[in-house]
Amino acid sequence: MVKGLLFLLGIFMGDVMVGHAGENTKAGQELFLAHCQHCHGAQGEGNGELADYLDPPPADLRDARTQARNDEELRTIIMEGRPGTKMTGYEIFEDDEIINLVAFIRSLGK
């Protein structure tokens, strides 16, 4: 019985995520353009208007190394930043906003 309920819950949760993937990506793009594009560029290429002033340069979020990170790793980087870089943490974001940002970052790799 418990396994059956967990299976159904897994299907339901999967459908919810798939059903809202476009919305999450769009909301993530809006957050990205407001908070991230200045360094990473509007398409996540690492070529934003501030990129030339940063050492090391901002990550190209389309890159296979970035795309290979799991969602929790991306969440941690967004929330805590990256030591040794100018990437600061953004603790201002709510959990759903982080999910949306990660969805948008994932869309850049396609």
PDB file of N, CA and C in Angstrom:
ATOM      1  N   MET A   1       0.822  -1.200   0.000  1.00  0.00           N
ATOM      2  CA  MET A   1       0.000   0.000   0.000  1.00  0.00           C
ATOM      3  C   MET A   1       0.861   1.257   0.000  1.00  0.00           C
ATOM      4  N   VAL A   2       1.873   1.294   0.898  1.00  0.00           N
ATOM      5  CA  VAL A   2       2.739   2.467   0.982  1.00  0.00           C
ATOM      6  C   VAL A   2       3.509   2.660  -0.317  1.00  0.00           C
ATOM      7  N   LYS A   3       4.025   1.561  -0.883  1.00  0.00           N
ATOM      8  CA  LYS A   3       4.757   1.669  -2.149  1.00  0.00           C
ATOM      9  C   LYS A   3       3.848   2.221  -3.247  1.00  0.00           C
ATOM     10  N   GLY A   4       2.606   1.787  -3.263  1.00  0.00           N
ATOM     11  CA  GLY A   4       1.663   2.275  -4.268  1.00  0.00           C
ATOM     12  C   GLY A   4       1.398   3.762  -4.114  1.00  0.00           C
ATOM     13  N   LEU A   5       1.247   4.211  -2.868  1.00  0.00           N
ATOM     14  CA  LEU A   5       1.033   5.638  -2.630  1.00  0.00           C
ATOM     15  C   LEU A   5       2.259   6.448  -3.022  1.00  0.00           C
ATOM     16  N   LEU A   6       3.450   5.948  -2.697  1.00  0.00           N
ATOM     17  CA  LEU A   6       4.678   6.651  -3.073  1.00  0.00           C
ATOM     18  C   LEU A   6       4.809   6.720  -4.587  1.00  0.00           C
ATOM     19  N   PHE A   7       4.459   5.643  -5.277  1.00  0.00           N
ATOM     20  CA  PHE A   7       4.505   5.630  -6.734  1.00  0.00           C
ATOM     21  C   PHE A   7       3.561   6.693  -7.303  1.00  0.00           C
ATOM     22  N   LEU A   8       2.325   6.729  -6.796  1.00  0.00           N
ATOM     23  CA  LEU A   8       1.364   7.710  -7.281  1.00  0.00           C
ATOM     24  C   LEU A   8       1.814   9.130  -6.961  1.00  0.00           C
ATOM     25  N   LEU A   9       2.393   9.336  -5.786  1.00  0.00           N
ATOM     26  CA  LEU A   9       2.902  10.647  -5.422  1.00  0.00           C
ATOM     27  C   LEU A   9       4.027  11.052  -6.370  1.00  0.00           C
ATOM     28  N   GLY A  10       4.902  10.117  -6.697  1.00  0.00           N
ATOM     29  CA  GLY A  10       5.988  10.391  -7.637  1.00  0.00           C
ATOM     30  C   GLY A  10       5.464  10.779  -9.002  1.00  0.00           C
ATOM     31  N   ILE A  11       4.444  10.099  -9.477  1.00  0.00           N
ATOM     32  CA  ILE A  11       3.843  10.442 -10.769  1.00  0.00           C
ATOM     33  C   ILE A  11       3.223  11.829 -10.689  1.00  0.00           C
ATOM     34  N   PHE A  12       2.485  12.092  -9.618  1.00  0.00           N
ATOM     35  CA  PHE A  12       1.837  13.392  -9.471  1.00  0.00           C
ATOM     36  C   PHE A  12       2.862  14.513  -9.427  1.00  0.00           C
ATOM     37  N   MET A  13       3.910  14.342  -8.620  1.00  0.00           N
ATOM     38  CA  MET A  13       4.935  15.375  -8.506  1.00  0.00           C
ATOM     39  C   MET A  13       5.638  15.583  -9.844  1.00  0.00           C
ATOM     40  N   GLY A  14       5.909  14.508 -10.546  1.00  0.00           N
ATOM     41  CA  GLY A  14       6.529  14.626 -11.856  1.00  0.00           C
ATOM     42  C   GLY A  14       5.652  15.397 -12.818  1.00  0.00           C
ATOM     43  N   ASP A  15       4.353  15.134 -12.793  1.00  0.00           N
ATOM     44  CA  ASP A  15       3.427  15.839 -13.671  1.00  0.00           C
ATOM     45  C   ASP A  15       3.354  17.318 -13.322  1.00  0.00           C
ATOM     46  N   VAL A  16       3.413  17.622 -12.037  1.00  0.00           N
ATOM     47  CA  VAL A  16       3.371  19.022 -11.625  1.00  0.00           C
ATOM     48  C   VAL A  16       4.581  19.755 -12.164  1.00  0.00           C
ATOM     49  N   MET A  17       5.757  19.179 -12.015  1.00  0.00           N
ATOM     50  CA  MET A  17       6.968  19.828 -12.494  1.00  0.00           C
ATOM     51  C   MET A  17       6.953  19.972 -14.011  1.00  0.00           C
ATOM     52  N   VAL A  18       6.563  18.918 -14.710  1.00  0.00           N
ATOM     53  CA  VAL A  18       6.513  18.985 -16.161  1.00  0.00           C
ATOM     54  C   VAL A  18       5.451  19.976 -16.601  1.00  0.00           C
ATOM     55  N   GLY A  19       4.310  19.948 -15.938  1.00  0.00           N
ATOM     56  CA  GLY A  19       3.228  20.844 -16.314  1.00  0.00           C
ATOM     57  C   GLY A  19       3.564  22.308 -16.141  1.00  0.00           C
ATOM     58  N   HIS A  20       4.472  22.632 -15.252  1.00  0.00           N
ATOM     59  CA  HIS A  20       4.816  24.025 -14.986  1.00  0.00           C
ATOM     60  C   HIS A  20       6.223  24.390 -15.447  1.00  0.00           C
ATOM     61  N   ALA A  21       6.875  23.513 -16.189  1.00  0.00           N
ATOM     62  CA  ALA A  21       8.261  23.765 -16.578  1.00  0.00           C
ATOM     63  C   ALA A  21       8.395  25.054 -17.377  1.00  0.00           C
ATOM     64  N   GLY A  22       7.513  25.310 -18.320  1.00  0.00           N
ATOM     65  CA  GLY A  22       7.578  26.532 -19.103  1.00  0.00           C
ATOM     66  C   GLY A  22       7.410  27.773 -18.255  1.00  0.00           C
ATOM     67  N   GLU A  23       6.452  27.720 -17.334  1.00  0.00           N
ATOM     68  CA  GLU A  23       6.232  28.853 -16.443  1.00  0.00           C
ATOM     69  C   GLU A  23       7.441  29.073 -15.553  1.00  0.00           C
ATOM     70  N   ASN A  24       8.015  28.001 -15.019  1.00  0.00           N
ATOM     71  CA  ASN A  24       9.184  28.127 -14.171  1.00  0.00           C
ATOM     72  C   ASN A  24      10.344  28.729 -14.936  1.00  0.00           C
ATOM     73  N   THR A  25      10.530  28.280 -16.168  1.00  0.00           N
ATOM     74  CA  THR A  25      11.624  28.803 -16.981  1.00  0.00           C
ATOM     75  C   THR A  25      11.420  30.284 -17.267  1.00  0.00           C
ATOM     76  N   LYS A  26      10.215  30.688 -17.586  1.00  0.00           N
ATOM     77  CA  LYS A  26       9.919  32.100 -17.871  1.00  0.00           C
ATOM     78  C   LYS A  26      10.131  32.956 -16.630  1.00  0.00           C
ATOM     79  N   ALA A  27       9.645  32.499 -15.495  1.00  0.00           N
ATOM     80  CA  ALA A  27       9.845  33.245 -14.252  1.00  0.00           C
ATOM     81  C   ALA A  27      11.331  33.301 -13.898  1.00  0.00           C
ATOM     82  N   GLY A  28      12.040  32.211 -14.131  1.00  0.00           N
ATOM     83  CA  GLY A  28      13.477  32.188 -13.892  1.00  0.00           C
ATOM     84  C   GLY A  28      14.212  33.145 -14.804  1.00  0.00           C
ATOM     85  N   GLN A  29      13.779  33.230 -16.050  1.00  0.00           N
ATOM     86  CA  GLN A  29      14.405  34.162 -16.990  1.00  0.00           C
ATOM     87  C   GLN A  29      14.221  35.605 -16.516  1.00  0.00           C
ATOM     88  N   GLU A  30      13.043  35.923 -16.029  1.00  0.00           N
ATOM     89  CA  GLU A  30      12.787  37.281 -15.532  1.00  0.00           C
ATOM     90  C   GLU A  30      13.700  37.609 -14.356  1.00  0.00           C
ATOM     91  N   LEU A  31      13.862  36.671 -13.426  1.00  0.00           N
ATOM     92  CA  LEU A  31      14.776  36.882 -12.305  1.00  0.00           C
ATOM     93  C   LEU A  31      16.220  37.013 -12.794  1.00  0.00           C
ATOM     94  N   PHE A  32      16.591  36.147 -13.727  1.00  0.00           N
ATOM     95  CA  PHE A  32      17.939  36.157 -14.280  1.00  0.00           C
ATOM     96  C   PHE A  32      18.245  37.510 -14.926  1.00  0.00           C
ATOM     97  N   LEU A  33      17.318  38.017 -15.719  1.00  0.00           N
ATOM     98  CA  LEU A  33      17.531  39.299 -16.388  1.00  0.00           C
ATOM     99  C   LEU A  33      17.623  40.443 -15.388  1.00  0.00           C
ATOM    100  N   ALA A  34      16.919  40.339 -14.282  1.00  0.00           N
ATOM    101  CA  ALA A  34      16.954  41.387 -13.268  1.00  0.00           C
ATOM    102  C   ALA A  34      18.209  41.330 -12.397  1.00  0.00           C
ATOM    103  N   HIS A  35      18.732  40.124 -12.142  1.00  0.00           N
ATOM    104  CA  HIS A  35      19.801  39.988 -11.153  1.00  0.00           C
ATOM    105  C   HIS A  35      21.118  39.423 -11.673  1.00  0.00           C
ATOM    106  N   CYS A  36      21.121  38.746 -12.802  1.00  0.00           N
ATOM    107  CA  CYS A  36      22.299  37.976 -13.206  1.00  0.00           C
ATOM    108  C   CYS A  36      22.926  38.398 -14.530  1.00  0.00           C
ATOM    109  N   GLN A  37      22.143  39.007 -15.402  1.00  0.00           N
ATOM    110  CA  GLN A  37      22.631  39.285 -16.745  1.00  0.00           C
ATOM    111  C   GLN A  37      23.783  40.286 -16.783  1.00  0.00           C
ATOM    112  N   HIS A  38      23.906  41.110 -15.785  1.00  0.00           N
ATOM    113  CA  HIS A  38      24.969  42.120 -15.800  1.00  0.00           C
ATOM    114  C   HIS A  38      26.354  41.476 -15.843  1.00  0.00           C
ATOM    115  N   CYS A  39      26.466  40.318 -15.251  1.00  0.00           N
ATOM    116  CA  CYS A  39      27.736  39.572 -15.290  1.00  0.00           C
ATOM    117  C   CYS A  39      27.694  38.447 -16.310  1.00  0.00           C
ATOM    118  N   HIS A  40      26.628  37.645 -16.283  1.00  0.00           N
ATOM    119  CA  HIS A  40      26.557  36.444 -17.116  1.00  0.00           C
ATOM    120  C   HIS A  40      26.045  36.701 -18.530  1.00  0.00           C
ATOM    121  N   GLY A  41      25.482  37.864 -18.800  1.00  0.00           N
ATOM    122  CA  GLY A  41      24.898  38.145 -20.107  1.00  0.00           C
ATOM    123  C   GLY A  41      23.482  37.612 -20.190  1.00  0.00           C
ATOM    124  N   ALA A  42      22.692  38.192 -21.074  1.00  0.00           N
ATOM    125  CA  ALA A  42      21.274  37.842 -21.170  1.00  0.00           C
ATOM    126  C   ALA A  42      21.043  36.381 -21.538  1.00  0.00           C
ATOM    127  N   GLN A  43      21.985  35.776 -22.261  1.00  0.00           N
ATOM    128  CA  GLN A  43      21.867  34.376 -22.651  1.00  0.00           C
ATOM    129  C   GLN A  43      22.785  33.466 -21.837  1.00  0.00           C
ATOM    130  N   GLY A  44      23.358  34.003 -20.745  1.00  0.00           N
ATOM    131  CA  GLY A  44      24.185  33.186 -19.853  1.00  0.00           C
ATOM    132  C   GLY A  44      25.559  32.842 -20.395  1.00  0.00           C
ATOM    133  N   GLU A  45      26.039  33.589 -21.376  1.00  0.00           N
ATOM    134  CA  GLU A  45      27.304  33.276 -22.029  1.00  0.00           C
ATOM    135  C   GLU A  45      28.538  33.758 -21.256  1.00  0.00           C
ATOM    136  N   GLY A  46      28.326  34.454 -20.143  1.00  0.00           N
ATOM    137  CA  GLY A  46      29.451  34.986 -19.375  1.00  0.00           C
ATOM    138  C   GLY A  46      29.985  36.288 -19.950  1.00  0.00           C
ATOM    139  N   ASN A  47      29.177  36.962 -20.753  1.00  0.00           N
ATOM    140  CA  ASN A  47      29.631  38.158 -21.453  1.00  0.00           C
ATOM    141  C   ASN A  47      28.806  39.393 -21.124  1.00  0.00           C
ATOM    142  N   GLY A  48      28.339  39.504 -19.898  1.00  0.00           N
ATOM    143  CA  GLY A  48      27.547  40.658 -19.500  1.00  0.00           C
ATOM    144  C   GLY A  48      28.374  41.929 -19.499  1.00  0.00           C
ATOM    145  N   GLU A  49      27.719  43.047 -19.298  1.00  0.00           N
ATOM    146  CA  GLU A  49      28.379  44.358 -19.362  1.00  0.00           C
ATOM    147  C   GLU A  49      29.490  44.520 -18.322  1.00  0.00           C
ATOM    148  N   LEU A  50      29.450  43.752 -17.236  1.00  0.00           N
ATOM    149  CA  LEU A  50      30.496  43.836 -16.209  1.00  0.00           C
ATOM    150  C   LEU A  50      31.575  42.766 -16.364  1.00  0.00           C
ATOM    151  N   ALA A  51      31.404  41.847 -17.287  1.00  0.00           N
ATOM    152  CA  ALA A  51      32.294  40.690 -17.417  1.00  0.00           C
ATOM    153  C   ALA A  51      33.754  41.083 -17.614  1.00  0.00           C
ATOM    154  N   ASP A  52      34.021  42.121 -18.387  1.00  0.00           N
ATOM    155  CA  ASP A  52      35.400  42.530 -18.656  1.00  0.00           C
ATOM    156  C   ASP A  52      36.120  43.028 -17.408  1.00  0.00           C
ATOM    157  N   TYR A  53      35.377  43.369 -16.395  1.00  0.00           N
ATOM    158  CA  TYR A  53      35.967  43.889 -15.165  1.00  0.00           C
ATOM    159  C   TYR A  53      36.150  42.824 -14.087  1.00  0.00           C
ATOM    160  N   LEU A  54      35.772  41.611 -14.375  1.00  0.00           N
ATOM    161  CA  LEU A  54      35.790  40.548 -13.374  1.00  0.00           C
ATOM    162  C   LEU A  54      36.906  39.544 -13.661  1.00  0.00           C
ATOM    163  N   ASP A  55      37.628  39.183 -12.601  1.00  0.00           N
ATOM    164  CA  ASP A  55      38.702  38.191 -12.715  1.00  0.00           C
ATOM    165  C   ASP A  55      38.586  37.234 -11.539  1.00  0.00           C
ATOM    166  N   PRO A  56      38.271  35.978 -11.782  1.00  0.00           N
ATOM    167  CA  PRO A  56      38.040  35.343 -13.078  1.00  0.00           C
ATOM    168  C   PRO A  56      36.719  35.811 -13.696  1.00  0.00           C
ATOM    169  N   PRO A  57      36.581  35.615 -15.002  1.00  0.00           N
ATOM    170  CA  PRO A  57      35.344  36.037 -15.674  1.00  0.00           C
ATOM    171  C   PRO A  57      34.150  35.204 -15.206  1.00  0.00           C
ATOM    172  N   PRO A  58      32.950  35.734 -15.402  1.00  0.00           N
ATOM    173  CA  PRO A  58      31.744  34.981 -15.040  1.00  0.00           C
ATOM    174  C   PRO A  58      31.647  33.674 -15.828  1.00  0.00           C
ATOM    175  N   ALA A  59      31.021  32.707 -15.221  1.00  0.00           N
ATOM    176  CA  ALA A  59      30.839  31.414 -15.877  1.00  0.00           C
ATOM    177  C   ALA A  59      29.914  31.535 -17.078  1.00  0.00           C
ATOM    178  N   ASP A  60      30.212  30.756 -18.105  1.00  0.00           N
ATOM    179  CA  ASP A  60      29.300  30.561 -19.225  1.00  0.00           C
ATOM    180  C   ASP A  60      28.330  29.477 -18.771  1.00  0.00           C
ATOM    181  N   LEU A  61      27.118  29.867 -18.488  1.00  0.00           N
ATOM    182  CA  LEU A  61      26.145  28.943 -17.906  1.00  0.00           C
ATOM    183  C   LEU A  61      25.638  27.907 -18.891  1.00  0.00           C
ATOM    184  N   ARG A  62      25.972  28.052 -20.172  1.00  0.00           N
ATOM    185  CA  ARG A  62      25.620  27.063 -21.185  1.00  0.00           C
ATOM    186  C   ARG A  62      26.627  25.917 -21.207  1.00  0.00           C
ATOM    187  N   ASP A  63      27.779  26.155 -20.601  1.00  0.00           N
ATOM    188  CA  ASP A  63      28.896  25.215 -20.625  1.00  0.00           C
ATOM    189  C   ASP A  63      28.524  23.865 -20.007  1.00  0.00           C
ATOM    190  N   ALA A  64      29.104  22.819 -20.551  1.00  0.00           N
ATOM    191  CA  ALA A  64      28.811  21.456 -20.083  1.00  0.00           C
ATOM    192  C   ALA A  64      29.143  21.283 -18.601  1.00  0.00           C
ATOM    193  N   ARG A  65      30.185  21.945 -18.113  1.00  0.00           N
ATOM    194  CA  ARG A  65      30.548  21.804 -16.694  1.00  0.00           C
ATOM    195  C   ARG A  65      29.455  22.365 -15.791  1.00  0.00           C
ATOM    196  N   THR A  66      28.901  23.495 -16.186  1.00  0.00           N
ATOM    197  CA  THR A  66      27.803  24.070 -15.407  1.00  0.00           C
ATOM    198  C   THR A  66      26.569  23.195 -15.510  1.00  0.00           C
ATOM    199  N   GLN A  67      26.241  22.761 -16.709  1.00  0.00           N
ATOM    200  CA  GLN A  67      25.053  21.949 -16.931  1.00  0.00           C
ATOM    201  C   GLN A  67      25.151  20.581 -16.259  1.00  0.00           C
ATOM    202  N   ALA A  68      26.389  20.107 -16.010  1.00  0.00           N
ATOM    203  CA  ALA A  68      26.576  18.806 -15.365  1.00  0.00           C
ATOM    204  C   ALA A  68      26.329  18.866 -13.857  1.00  0.00           C
ATOM    205  N   ARG A  69      26.320  20.051 -13.298  1.00  0.00           N
ATOM    206  CA  ARG A  69      26.054  20.178 -11.860  1.00  0.00           C
ATOM    207  C   ARG A  69      24.598  19.785 -11.574  1.00  0.00           C
ATOM    208  N   ASN A  70      24.397  19.181 -10.405  1.00  0.00           N
ATOM    209  CA  ASN A  70      23.015  18.848 -10.058  1.00  0.00           C
ATOM    210  C   ASN A  70      22.306  20.105  -9.535  1.00  0.00           C
ATOM    211  N   ASP A  71      21.002  20.028  -9.405  1.00  0.00           N
ATOM    212  CA  ASP A  71      20.213  21.196  -9.007  1.00  0.00           C
ATOM    213  C   ASP A  71      20.622  21.730  -7.642  1.00  0.00           C
ATOM    214  N   GLU A  72      20.976  20.856  -6.727  1.00  0.00           N
ATOM    215  CA  GLU A  72      21.376  21.305  -5.392  1.00  0.00           C
ATOM    216  C   GLU A  72      22.687  22.087  -5.453  1.00  0.00           C
ATOM    217  N   GLU A  73      23.613  21.656  -6.297  1.00  0.00           N
ATOM    218  CA  GLU A  73      24.866  22.400  -6.457  1.00  0.00           C
ATOM    219  C   GLU A  73      24.600  23.792  -7.028  1.00  0.00           C
ATOM    220  N   LEU A  74      23.742  23.875  -8.030  1.00  0.00           N
ATOM    221  CA  LEU A  74      23.402  25.182  -8.590  1.00  0.00           C
ATOM    222  C   LEU A  74      22.714  26.054  -7.552  1.00  0.00           C
ATOM    223  N   ARG A  75      21.828  25.459  -6.780  1.00  0.00           N
ATOM    224  CA  ARG A  75      21.133  26.202  -5.720  1.00  0.00           C
ATOM    225  C   ARG A  75      22.139  26.768  -4.724  1.00  0.00           C
ATOM    226  N   THR A  76      23.103  25.960  -4.317  1.00  0.00           N
ATOM    227  CA  THR A  76      24.115  26.401  -3.353  1.00  0.00           C
ATOM    228  C   THR A  76      24.937  27.551  -3.915  1.00  0.00           C
ATOM    229  N   ILE A  77      25.326  27.451  -5.175  1.00  0.00           N
ATOM    230  CA  ILE A  77      26.100  28.530  -5.797  1.00  0.00           C
ATOM    231  C   ILE A  77      25.286  29.816  -5.843  1.00  0.00           C
ATOM    232  N   ILE A  78      24.022  29.717  -6.216  1.00  0.00           N
ATOM    233  CA  ILE A  78      23.161  30.908  -6.265  1.00  0.00           C
ATOM    234  C   ILE A  78      23.014  31.506  -4.877  1.00  0.00           C
ATOM    235  N   MET A  79      22.788  30.673  -3.875  1.00  0.00           N
ATOM    236  CA  MET A  79      22.542  31.166  -2.519  1.00  0.00           C
ATOM    237  C   MET A  79      23.814  31.644  -1.802  1.00  0.00           C
ATOM    238  N   GLU A  80      24.943  30.930  -2.020  1.00  0.00           N
ATOM    239  CA  GLU A  80      26.156  31.213  -1.250  1.00  0.00           C
ATOM    240  C   GLU A  80      27.263  31.868  -2.053  1.00  0.00           C
ATOM    241  N   GLY A  81      27.159  31.873  -3.368  1.00  0.00           N
ATOM    242  CA  GLY A  81      28.212  32.429  -4.202  1.00  0.00           C
ATOM    243  C   GLY A  81      29.312  31.412  -4.446  1.00  0.00           C
ATOM    244  N   ARG A  82      30.402  31.881  -5.066  1.00  0.00           N
ATOM    245  CA  ARG A  82      31.542  31.012  -5.368  1.00  0.00           C
ATOM    246  C   ARG A  82      32.801  31.646  -4.810  1.00  0.00           C
ATOM    247  N   PRO A  83      33.451  30.993  -3.864  1.00  0.00           N
ATOM    248  CA  PRO A  83      34.700  31.530  -3.308  1.00  0.00           C
ATOM    249  C   PRO A  83      35.741  31.721  -4.405  1.00  0.00           C
ATOM    250  N   GLY A  84      36.507  32.794  -4.279  1.00  0.00           N
ATOM    251  CA  GLY A  84      37.553  33.079  -5.249  1.00  0.00           C
ATOM    252  C   GLY A  84      37.060  33.780  -6.502  1.00  0.00           C
ATOM    253  N   THR A  85      35.769  34.128  -6.522  1.00  0.00           N
ATOM    254  CA  THR A  85      35.193  34.850  -7.655  1.00  0.00           C
ATOM    255  C   THR A  85      34.384  36.021  -7.116  1.00  0.00           C
ATOM    256  N   LYS A  86      33.872  36.837  -8.019  1.00  0.00           N
ATOM    257  CA  LYS A  86      32.996  37.950  -7.624  1.00  0.00           C
ATOM    258  C   LYS A  86      31.536  37.519  -7.506  1.00  0.00           C
ATOM    259  N   MET A  87      31.279  36.220  -7.714  1.00  0.00           N
ATOM    260  CA  MET A  87      29.920  35.703  -7.600  1.00  0.00           C
ATOM    261  C   MET A  87      29.537  35.665  -6.132  1.00  0.00           C
ATOM    262  N   THR A  88      28.679  36.618  -5.756  1.00  0.00           N
ATOM    263  CA  THR A  88      28.208  36.678  -4.381  1.00  0.00           C
ATOM    264  C   THR A  88      26.950  35.845  -4.236  1.00  0.00           C
ATOM    265  N   GLY A  89      26.597  35.525  -3.012  1.00  0.00           N
ATOM    266  CA  GLY A  89      25.376  34.775  -2.760  1.00  0.00           C
ATOM    267  C   GLY A  89      24.156  35.671  -2.829  1.00  0.00           C
ATOM    268  N   TYR A  90      23.056  35.078  -3.216  1.00  0.00           N
ATOM    269  CA  TYR A  90      21.782  35.783  -3.307  1.00  0.00           C
ATOM    270  C   TYR A  90      20.784  35.130  -2.361  1.00  0.00           C
ATOM    271  N   GLU A  91      20.937  35.429  -1.086  1.00  0.00           N
ATOM    272  CA  GLU A  91      20.045  34.861  -0.072  1.00  0.00           C
ATOM    273  C   GLU A  91      18.674  35.498  -0.095  1.00  0.00           C
ATOM    274  N   ILE A  92      18.483  36.476  -0.953  1.00  0.00           N
ATOM    275  CA  ILE A  92      17.192  37.166  -1.047  1.00  0.00           C
ATOM    276  C   ILE A  92      16.126  36.329  -1.739  1.00  0.00           C
ATOM    277  N   PHE A  93      16.555  35.305  -2.490  1.00  0.00           N
ATOM    278  CA  PHE A  93      15.603  34.524  -3.263  1.00  0.00           C
ATOM    279  C   PHE A  93      14.869  33.506  -2.394  1.00  0.00           C
ATOM    280  N   GLU A  94      13.585  33.347  -2.682  1.00  0.00           N
ATOM    281  CA  GLU A  94      12.763  32.312  -2.053  1.00  0.00           C
ATOM    282  C   GLU A  94      13.039  30.990  -2.757  1.00  0.00           C
ATOM    283  N   ASP A  95      12.641  29.889  -2.125  1.00  0.00           N
ATOM    284  CA  ASP A  95      12.884  28.565  -2.708  1.00  0.00           C
ATOM    285  C   ASP A  95      12.297  28.422  -4.106  1.00  0.00           C
ATOM    286  N   ASP A  96      11.069  28.906  -4.309  1.00  0.00           N
ATOM    287  CA  ASP A  96      10.457  28.782  -5.633  1.00  0.00           C
ATOM    288  C   ASP A  96      11.208  29.610  -6.667  1.00  0.00           C
ATOM    289  N   GLU A  97      11.790  30.722  -6.260  1.00  0.00           N
ATOM    290  CA  GLU A  97      12.576  31.535  -7.183  1.00  0.00           C
ATOM    291  C   GLU A  97      13.864  30.821  -7.580  1.00  0.00           C
ATOM    292  N   ILE A  98      14.481  30.135  -6.632  1.00  0.00           N
ATOM    293  CA  ILE A  98      15.681  29.347  -6.942  1.00  0.00           C
ATOM    294  C   ILE A  98      15.333  28.239  -7.931  1.00  0.00           C
ATOM    295  N   ILE A  99      14.218  27.568  -7.710  1.00  0.00           N
ATOM    296  CA  ILE A  99      13.774  26.514  -8.630  1.00  0.00           C
ATOM    297  C   ILE A  99      13.597  27.096 -10.034  1.00  0.00           C
ATOM    298  N   ASN A 100      13.010  28.273 -10.108  1.00  0.00           N
ATOM    299  CA  ASN A 100      12.799  28.918 -11.402  1.00  0.00           C
ATOM    300  C   ASN A 100      14.122  29.320 -12.054  1.00  0.00           C
ATOM    301  N   LEU A 101      15.044  29.854 -11.272  1.00  0.00           N
ATOM    302  CA  LEU A 101      16.363  30.211 -11.808  1.00  0.00           C
ATOM    303  C   LEU A 101      17.098  28.990 -12.346  1.00  0.00           C
ATOM    304  N   VAL A 102      17.061  27.920 -11.582  1.00  0.00           N
ATOM    305  CA  VAL A 102      17.717  26.685 -12.027  1.00  0.00           C
ATOM    306  C   VAL A 102      17.055  26.172 -13.311  1.00  0.00           C
ATOM    307  N   ALA A 103      15.730  26.260 -13.401  1.00  0.00           N
ATOM    308  CA  ALA A 103      15.037  25.840 -14.628  1.00  0.00           C
ATOM    309  C   ALA A 103      15.514  26.669 -15.816  1.00  0.00           C
ATOM    310  N   PHE A 104      15.688  27.968 -15.609  1.00  0.00           N
ATOM    311  CA  PHE A 104      16.165  28.814 -16.704  1.00  0.00           C
ATOM    312  C   PHE A 104      17.606  28.477 -17.070  1.00  0.00           C
ATOM    313  N   ILE A 105      18.465  28.281 -16.075  1.00  0.00           N
ATOM    314  CA  ILE A 105      19.856  27.906 -16.348  1.00  0.00           C
ATOM    315  C   ILE A 105      19.904  26.602 -17.123  1.00  0.00           C
ATOM    316  N   ARG A 106      19.083  25.656 -16.749  1.00  0.00           N
ATOM    317  CA  ARG A 106      19.012  24.386 -17.481  1.00  0.00           C
ATOM    318  C   ARG A 106      18.606  24.623 -18.940  1.00  0.00           C
ATOM    319  N   SER A 107      17.693  25.541 -19.171  1.00  0.00           N
ATOM    320  CA  SER A 107      17.227  25.797 -20.535  1.00  0.00           C
ATOM    321  C   SER A 107      18.325  26.386 -21.409  1.00  0.00           C
ATOM    322  N   LEU A 108      19.317  27.016 -20.812  1.00  0.00           N
ATOM    323  CA  LEU A 108      20.417  27.612 -21.580  1.00  0.00           C
ATOM    324  C   LEU A 108      21.314  26.542 -22.202  1.00  0.00           C
ATOM    325  N   GLY A 109      21.349  25.372 -21.596  1.00  0.00           N
ATOM    326  CA  GLY A 109      22.212  24.305 -22.080  1.00  0.00           C
ATOM    327  C   GLY A 109      21.626  23.511 -23.237  1.00  0.00           C
ATOM    328  N   LYS A 110      20.433  23.812 -23.631  1.00  0.00           N
ATOM    329  CA  LYS A 110      19.754  23.034 -24.677  1.00  0.00           C
ATOM    330  C   LYS A 110      19.986  23.631 -26.048  1.00  0.00           C
TER     331      LYS A 110
END
